């Protein structure tokens, strides 16, 4: 993905994204770009300069759009990989904790059934065994995955930072594009989820 983003930055430094091509349909831009790809370099000298400039501009613009699509696809796969890694880690933890919880519960049951001890002593001992379970396994699976993502903050931050230079466009006057930088909307939303997960993790640690 880093290589794709580097190519996008290089094209934007050339001002490819700022060229006034809004009046030209995307299909036309793609057709002109295809002409550049299919034509032999020796044929360029026979084409008038204005047309050649227009075709090259379309070629660079289409290349930029294709690279942006590729970056989004790679980003989606990376996001899925992060969520999958977090979910697998949570699942392993839940399986491990479920075994520990069952073991403690059986011990507590055994203590409560031991009639050789006074009932108060049995209750206190069983409570101590159950207290050892703590917060293990509490919360929904989704909340635990969010907490695992918050703990994997280095990878999450690196992933979001890689999308910083991407700009998106869409239908005007929609929530996703109203501020002109939909990419920043996505990043802010992800940052809010990350902060909420961090707060949940800190609260769990302090028992609140």
Protein backbone atom coordinates (compact mmCIF):
# COMPACT_ATOMS: atom_id res chain seq x y z
CA UNK A 1 0.00 0.00 0.00
CA UNK A 2 2.91 2.36 0.72
CA UNK A 3 4.02 2.11 -2.91
CA UNK A 4 0.51 2.90 -4.16
CA UNK A 5 0.25 5.94 -1.90
CA UNK A 6 3.66 7.14 -3.04
CA UNK A 7 2.51 7.03 -6.67
CA UNK A 8 -0.63 8.97 -5.74
CA UNK A 9 1.44 11.66 -4.02
CA UNK A 10 3.72 11.94 -7.06
CA UNK A 11 0.77 12.45 -9.41
CA UNK A 12 -0.82 15.01 -7.10
CA UNK A 13 2.46 16.91 -6.90
CA UNK A 14 2.22 17.22 -10.68
CA UNK A 15 -1.24 18.75 -10.20
CA UNK A 16 -3.01 15.96 -12.06
CA UNK A 17 -6.03 16.14 -9.72
CA UNK A 18 -6.41 19.90 -10.31
CA UNK A 19 -6.65 19.75 -14.12
CA UNK A 20 -10.04 21.07 -15.37
CA UNK A 21 -11.56 17.90 -16.82
CA UNK A 22 -14.99 18.08 -15.17
CA UNK A 23 -16.66 18.75 -18.51
CA UNK A 24 -15.23 15.57 -20.01
CA UNK A 25 -17.09 12.33 -19.31
CA UNK A 26 -15.15 9.63 -17.52
CA UNK A 27 -15.63 7.26 -20.45
CA UNK A 28 -13.97 9.83 -22.72
CA UNK A 29 -11.08 10.26 -20.31
CA UNK A 30 -10.61 6.50 -20.22
CA UNK A 31 -10.72 6.33 -24.03
CA UNK A 32 -8.04 9.01 -24.38
CA UNK A 33 -5.94 7.26 -21.73
CA UNK A 34 -6.24 4.01 -23.70
CA UNK A 35 -4.98 5.80 -26.82
CA UNK A 36 -1.81 6.78 -24.97
CA UNK A 37 -1.24 3.22 -23.79
CA UNK A 38 -1.82 1.61 -27.17
CA UNK A 39 0.04 4.11 -29.33
CA UNK A 40 3.67 3.54 -30.19
CA UNK A 41 5.97 6.36 -28.98
CA UNK A 42 7.06 7.07 -32.55
CA UNK A 43 3.48 7.97 -33.44
CA UNK A 44 3.32 10.82 -30.93
CA UNK A 45 5.28 13.13 -33.26
CA UNK A 46 2.44 12.95 -35.80
CA UNK A 47 -0.18 14.16 -33.33
CA UNK A 48 -0.81 17.84 -32.74
CA UNK A 49 0.55 19.11 -29.46
CA UNK A 50 -2.80 20.21 -28.00
CA UNK A 51 -4.39 16.80 -28.53
CA UNK A 52 -1.29 15.06 -27.21
CA UNK A 53 -1.38 17.19 -24.05
CA UNK A 54 -5.07 16.43 -23.54
CA UNK A 55 -4.60 12.70 -23.95
CA UNK A 56 -1.64 12.60 -21.57
CA UNK A 57 -3.63 14.63 -19.03
CA UNK A 58 -6.50 12.14 -19.28
CA UNK A 59 -4.06 9.25 -18.97
CA UNK A 60 -2.57 10.69 -15.77
CA UNK A 61 -6.02 11.50 -14.33
CA UNK A 62 -7.33 7.98 -15.02
CA UNK A 63 -4.14 6.52 -13.57
CA UNK A 64 -4.66 8.61 -10.42
CA UNK A 65 -8.25 7.39 -10.07
CA UNK A 66 -7.22 3.77 -10.57
CA UNK A 67 -4.46 4.10 -7.99
CA UNK A 68 -6.92 5.69 -5.55
CA UNK A 69 -9.34 2.79 -6.07
CA UNK A 70 -6.47 0.39 -5.50
CA UNK A 71 -5.45 2.21 -2.31
CA UNK A 72 -9.02 2.02 -0.99
CA UNK A 73 -9.18 -1.70 -1.74
CA UNK A 74 -5.85 -2.26 0.01
CA UNK A 75 -7.01 -0.13 2.95
CA UNK A 76 -10.22 -2.17 3.23
CA UNK A 77 -8.23 -5.39 3.25
CA UNK A 78 -5.88 -3.98 5.87
CA UNK A 79 -8.84 -2.93 8.04
CA UNK A 80 -10.33 -6.40 7.72
CA UNK A 81 -6.99 -7.93 8.68
CA UNK A 82 -6.79 -5.73 11.79
CA UNK A 83 -10.33 -6.66 12.83
CA UNK A 84 -9.69 -10.34 12.09
CA UNK A 85 -6.50 -10.30 14.17
CA UNK A 86 -8.33 -8.61 17.06
CA UNK A 87 -11.27 -11.03 16.82
CA UNK A 88 -8.96 -14.06 16.83
CA UNK A 89 -7.14 -12.71 19.86
CA UNK A 90 -10.42 -12.13 21.69
CA UNK A 91 -11.72 -15.59 20.75
CA UNK A 92 -8.59 -17.26 22.11
CA UNK A 93 -8.87 -15.23 25.30
CA UNK A 94 -12.53 -16.13 25.73
CA UNK A 95 -11.77 -19.84 25.31
CA UNK A 96 -8.93 -19.61 27.79
CA UNK A 97 -11.04 -17.64 30.27
CA UNK A 98 -14.03 -19.96 29.94
CA UNK A 99 -11.86 -22.86 31.07
CA UNK A 100 -10.61 -20.87 34.06
CA UNK A 101 -14.13 -19.75 34.96
CA UNK A 102 -15.46 -23.32 34.83
CA UNK A 103 -12.58 -24.53 37.00
CA UNK A 104 -13.23 -21.86 39.64
CA UNK A 105 -16.97 -22.50 39.55
CA UNK A 106 -16.44 -26.22 40.18
CA UNK A 107 -14.16 -25.40 43.10
CA UNK A 108 -16.78 -23.05 44.54
CA UNK A 109 -19.45 -25.73 44.13
CA UNK A 110 -17.26 -28.25 45.91
CA UNK A 111 -16.68 -25.84 48.79
CA UNK A 112 -20.39 -25.10 49.16
CA UNK A 113 -21.19 -28.81 49.29
CA UNK A 114 -18.59 -29.49 51.98
CA UNK A 115 -20.84 -29.85 55.03
CA UNK A 116 -17.88 -30.38 57.35
CA UNK A 117 -17.45 -26.58 57.48
CA UNK A 118 -19.86 -23.95 58.83
CA UNK A 119 -22.08 -22.45 56.13
CA UNK A 120 -20.67 -18.93 56.63
CA UNK A 121 -17.11 -20.19 56.12
CA UNK A 122 -18.21 -22.07 53.01
CA UNK A 123 -19.91 -19.00 51.54
CA UNK A 124 -16.91 -16.76 52.19
CA UNK A 125 -14.50 -19.29 50.70
CA UNK A 126 -16.70 -19.82 47.63
CA UNK A 127 -17.03 -16.06 47.19
CA UNK A 128 -13.26 -15.69 47.29
CA UNK A 129 -12.92 -18.35 44.60
CA UNK A 130 -15.47 -16.61 42.40
CA UNK A 131 -13.86 -13.21 43.00
CA UNK A 132 -10.68 -14.59 41.45
CA UNK A 133 -12.55 -14.81 38.17
CA UNK A 134 -12.66 -11.02 38.03
CA UNK A 135 -13.77 -9.35 34.83
CA UNK A 136 -12.57 -12.14 32.55
CA UNK A 137 -14.99 -12.84 29.76
CA UNK A 138 -17.31 -9.94 30.56
CA UNK A 139 -18.74 -7.70 27.86
CA UNK A 140 -19.98 -8.49 24.40
CA UNK A 141 -17.73 -9.97 21.77
CA UNK A 142 -17.89 -6.72 19.76
CA UNK A 143 -16.84 -4.60 22.75
CA UNK A 144 -13.93 -6.94 23.44
CA UNK A 145 -12.83 -6.69 19.80
CA UNK A 146 -12.92 -2.88 20.04
CA UNK A 147 -10.82 -3.09 23.19
CA UNK A 148 -8.34 -5.38 21.43
CA UNK A 149 -8.07 -2.87 18.58
CA UNK A 150 -7.39 -0.10 21.09
CA UNK A 151 -4.60 -2.18 22.56
CA UNK A 152 -3.19 -2.63 19.04
CA UNK A 153 -2.98 1.16 18.68
CA UNK A 154 0.39 1.17 16.89
CA UNK A 155 -0.93 -0.76 13.89
CA UNK A 156 -4.26 1.11 13.89
CA UNK A 157 -2.58 4.52 13.95
CA UNK A 158 -0.15 3.51 11.21
CA UNK A 159 -3.05 2.32 9.06
CA UNK A 160 -5.07 5.54 9.51
CA UNK A 161 -2.02 7.74 8.95
CA UNK A 162 -1.47 6.08 5.59
CA UNK A 163 -4.85 7.36 4.40
CA UNK A 164 -4.15 10.97 5.33
CA UNK A 165 -3.26 12.12 1.81
CA UNK A 166 -6.29 10.57 0.11
CA UNK A 167 -9.14 12.84 -0.97
CA UNK A 168 -12.51 11.53 -2.08
CA UNK A 169 -15.46 12.97 -3.96
CA UNK A 170 -19.09 12.04 -4.22
CA UNK A 171 -22.60 13.39 -4.55
CA UNK A 172 -22.64 16.99 -3.19
CA UNK A 173 -24.64 17.95 -0.10
CA UNK A 174 -24.44 14.49 1.47
CA UNK A 175 -23.11 13.94 5.02
CA UNK A 176 -20.05 12.14 3.67
CA UNK A 177 -19.02 14.93 1.29
CA UNK A 178 -20.49 18.10 2.79
CA UNK A 179 -17.14 19.33 4.13
CA UNK A 180 -15.25 18.53 0.93
CA UNK A 181 -12.97 16.04 2.63
CA UNK A 182 -14.83 12.74 3.08
CA UNK A 183 -11.56 11.05 3.88
CA UNK A 184 -11.21 13.22 6.96
CA UNK A 185 -14.74 12.20 7.99
CA UNK A 186 -13.72 8.54 7.83
CA UNK A 187 -10.58 9.20 9.82
CA UNK A 188 -12.42 11.22 12.49
CA UNK A 189 -15.05 8.49 12.83
CA UNK A 190 -12.34 5.86 13.21
CA UNK A 191 -10.53 8.05 15.73
CA UNK A 192 -13.73 8.42 17.79
CA UNK A 193 -14.22 4.65 17.85
CA UNK A 194 -10.59 4.23 18.86
CA UNK A 195 -10.98 6.74 21.74
CA UNK A 196 -14.18 5.03 22.95
CA UNK A 197 -12.42 1.68 22.96
CA UNK A 198 -9.52 3.21 24.90
CA UNK A 199 -11.92 4.62 27.50
CA UNK A 200 -13.62 1.21 27.83
CA UNK A 201 -10.26 -0.44 28.33
CA UNK A 202 -9.20 2.08 31.01
CA UNK A 203 -12.54 1.77 32.80
CA UNK A 204 -12.25 -2.02 32.86
CA UNK A 205 -8.78 -1.79 34.35
CA UNK A 206 -9.98 0.51 37.14
CA UNK A 207 -13.13 -1.50 37.77
CA UNK A 208 -15.51 1.34 36.87
